[in-house]
Amino acid sequence: MLFQAMMQDNLNFVGWMFVLMFIFFALFVLATIFWVLMIIDCAKRKMSDNERITWILILVFLGAIGAVVYYFMVKRK
């Protein structure tokens, strides 16, 4: 009886771990897509060369955080 209860708890734990892993993987994929789209937008946007280079370096080195900053400071302007 105790063994069955322990096995059920382990199965629930493993199930929830798979769900959490899937959610984190999906968020990672979405963040990467958003990051790439912001780099493309920055490369195509009309701005001075120095500003473009600065933003691309920020996007490359800060990743998704840089993409969010770029989105709110430049793209939604």
C-alpha atoms as a PDB file:
ATOM      1  CA  MET A   1       0.000   0.000   0.000  1.00  0.00           C
ATOM      2  CA  LEU A   2       2.763   2.421   0.943  1.00  0.00           C
ATOM      3  CA  PHE A   3       4.749   1.421  -2.145  1.00  0.00           C
ATOM      4  CA  GLN A   4       1.782   2.161  -4.421  1.00  0.00           C
ATOM      5  CA  ALA A   5       1.312   5.585  -2.849  1.00  0.00           C
ATOM      6  CA  MET A   6       5.002   6.355  -3.287  1.00  0.00           C
ATOM      7  CA  MET A   7       4.909   5.249  -6.932  1.00  0.00           C
ATOM      8  CA  GLN A   8       1.856   7.416  -7.594  1.00  0.00           C
ATOM      9  CA  ASP A   9       3.635  10.436  -6.092  1.00  0.00           C
ATOM     10  CA  ASN A  10       6.694   9.746  -8.245  1.00  0.00           C
ATOM     11  CA  LEU A  11       4.554   9.488 -11.387  1.00  0.00           C
ATOM     12  CA  ASN A  12       2.860  12.790 -10.559  1.00  0.00           C
ATOM     13  CA  PHE A  13       6.245  14.396  -9.997  1.00  0.00           C
ATOM     14  CA  VAL A  14       7.623  13.077 -13.288  1.00  0.00           C
ATOM     15  CA  GLY A  15       4.502  14.206 -15.126  1.00  0.00           C
ATOM     16  CA  TRP A  16       4.758  17.725 -13.746  1.00  0.00           C
ATOM     17  CA  MET A  17       8.460  17.832 -14.561  1.00  0.00           C
ATOM     18  CA  PHE A  18       7.690  17.037 -18.214  1.00  0.00           C
ATOM     19  CA  VAL A  19       5.047  19.768 -18.288  1.00  0.00           C
ATOM     20  CA  LEU A  20       7.463  22.311 -16.797  1.00  0.00           C
ATOM     21  CA  MET A  21      10.234  21.267 -19.190  1.00  0.00           C
ATOM     22  CA  PHE A  22       7.873  21.724 -22.141  1.00  0.00           C
ATOM     23  CA  ILE A  23       6.806  25.184 -20.914  1.00  0.00           C
ATOM     24  CA  PHE A  24      10.421  26.318 -20.428  1.00  0.00           C
ATOM     25  CA  PHE A  25      11.403  24.935 -23.833  1.00  0.00           C
ATOM     26  CA  ALA A  26       8.482  26.742 -25.510  1.00  0.00           C
ATOM     27  CA  LEU A  27       9.419  30.008 -23.766  1.00  0.00           C
ATOM     28  CA  PHE A  28      13.041  29.581 -24.861  1.00  0.00           C
ATOM     29  CA  VAL A  29      12.002  29.033 -28.488  1.00  0.00           C
ATOM     30  CA  LEU A  30       9.673  32.059 -28.431  1.00  0.00           C
ATOM     31  CA  ALA A  31      12.347  34.271 -26.857  1.00  0.00           C
ATOM     32  CA  THR A  32      14.871  33.166 -29.484  1.00  0.00           C
ATOM     33  CA  ILE A  33      12.436  33.920 -32.323  1.00  0.00           C
ATOM     34  CA  PHE A  34      11.683  37.344 -30.817  1.00  0.00           C
ATOM     35  CA  TRP A  35      15.436  38.028 -30.466  1.00  0.00           C
ATOM     36  CA  VAL A  36      16.121  37.135 -34.118  1.00  0.00           C
ATOM     37  CA  LEU A  37      13.200  39.272 -35.307  1.00  0.00           C
ATOM     38  CA  MET A  38      14.508  42.280 -33.365  1.00  0.00           C
ATOM     39  CA  ILE A  39      17.984  41.829 -34.891  1.00  0.00           C
ATOM     40  CA  ILE A  40      16.427  41.723 -38.372  1.00  0.00           C
ATOM     41  CA  ASP A  41      14.317  44.799 -37.612  1.00  0.00           C
ATOM     42  CA  CYS A  42      17.375  46.662 -36.364  1.00  0.00           C
ATOM     43  CA  ALA A  43      19.383  45.764 -39.470  1.00  0.00           C
ATOM     44  CA  LYS A  44      16.597  46.982 -41.792  1.00  0.00           C
ATOM     45  CA  ARG A  45      15.547  50.111 -39.858  1.00  0.00           C
ATOM     46  CA  LYS A  46      16.649  53.503 -41.170  1.00  0.00           C
ATOM     47  CA  MET A  47      19.009  54.980 -38.591  1.00  0.00           C
ATOM     48  CA  SER A  48      22.589  56.158 -38.487  1.00  0.00           C
ATOM     49  CA  ASP A  49      25.313  53.546 -38.874  1.00  0.00           C
ATOM     50  CA  ASN A  50      26.683  54.177 -35.385  1.00  0.00           C
ATOM     51  CA  GLU A  51      23.237  53.773 -33.825  1.00  0.00           C
ATOM     52  CA  ARG A  52      22.564  50.594 -35.814  1.00  0.00           C
ATOM     53  CA  ILE A  53      25.905  49.050 -34.820  1.00  0.00           C
ATOM     54  CA  THR A  54      25.329  49.980 -31.188  1.00  0.00           C
ATOM     55  CA  TRP A  55      21.865  48.399 -31.151  1.00  0.00           C
ATOM     56  CA  ILE A  56      23.045  45.255 -32.925  1.00  0.00           C
ATOM     57  CA  LEU A  57      25.852  44.838 -30.382  1.00  0.00           C
ATOM     58  CA  ILE A  58      23.357  45.339 -27.544  1.00  0.00           C
ATOM     59  CA  LEU A  59      21.036  42.757 -29.091  1.00  0.00           C
ATOM     60  CA  VAL A  60      23.795  40.224 -29.680  1.00  0.00           C
ATOM     61  CA  PHE A  61      25.417  40.484 -26.251  1.00  0.00           C
ATOM     62  CA  LEU A  62      22.283  40.869 -24.105  1.00  0.00           C
ATOM     63  CA  GLY A  63      20.090  38.397 -25.995  1.00  0.00           C
ATOM     64  CA  ALA A  64      16.399  38.400 -25.141  1.00  0.00           C
ATOM     65  CA  ILE A  65      16.806  41.163 -22.540  1.00  0.00           C
ATOM     66  CA  GLY A  66      18.389  43.395 -25.177  1.00  0.00           C
ATOM     67  CA  ALA A  67      15.557  42.511 -27.567  1.00  0.00           C
ATOM     68  CA  VAL A  68      12.944  43.621 -25.033  1.00  0.00           C
ATOM     69  CA  VAL A  69      14.833  46.885 -24.417  1.00  0.00           C
ATOM     70  CA  TYR A  70      15.120  47.482 -28.184  1.00  0.00           C
ATOM     71  CA  TYR A  71      11.431  46.725 -28.687  1.00  0.00           C
ATOM     72  CA  PHE A  72      10.279  49.294 -26.141  1.00  0.00           C
ATOM     73  CA  MET A  73      12.876  51.971 -26.920  1.00  0.00           C
ATOM     74  CA  VAL A  74      13.013  51.833 -30.727  1.00  0.00           C
ATOM     75  CA  LYS A  75      10.371  49.655 -32.337  1.00  0.00           C
ATOM     76  CA  ARG A  76       7.335  50.967 -30.432  1.00  0.00           C
ATOM     77  CA  LYS A  77       8.470  54.591 -30.695  1.00  0.00           C
END
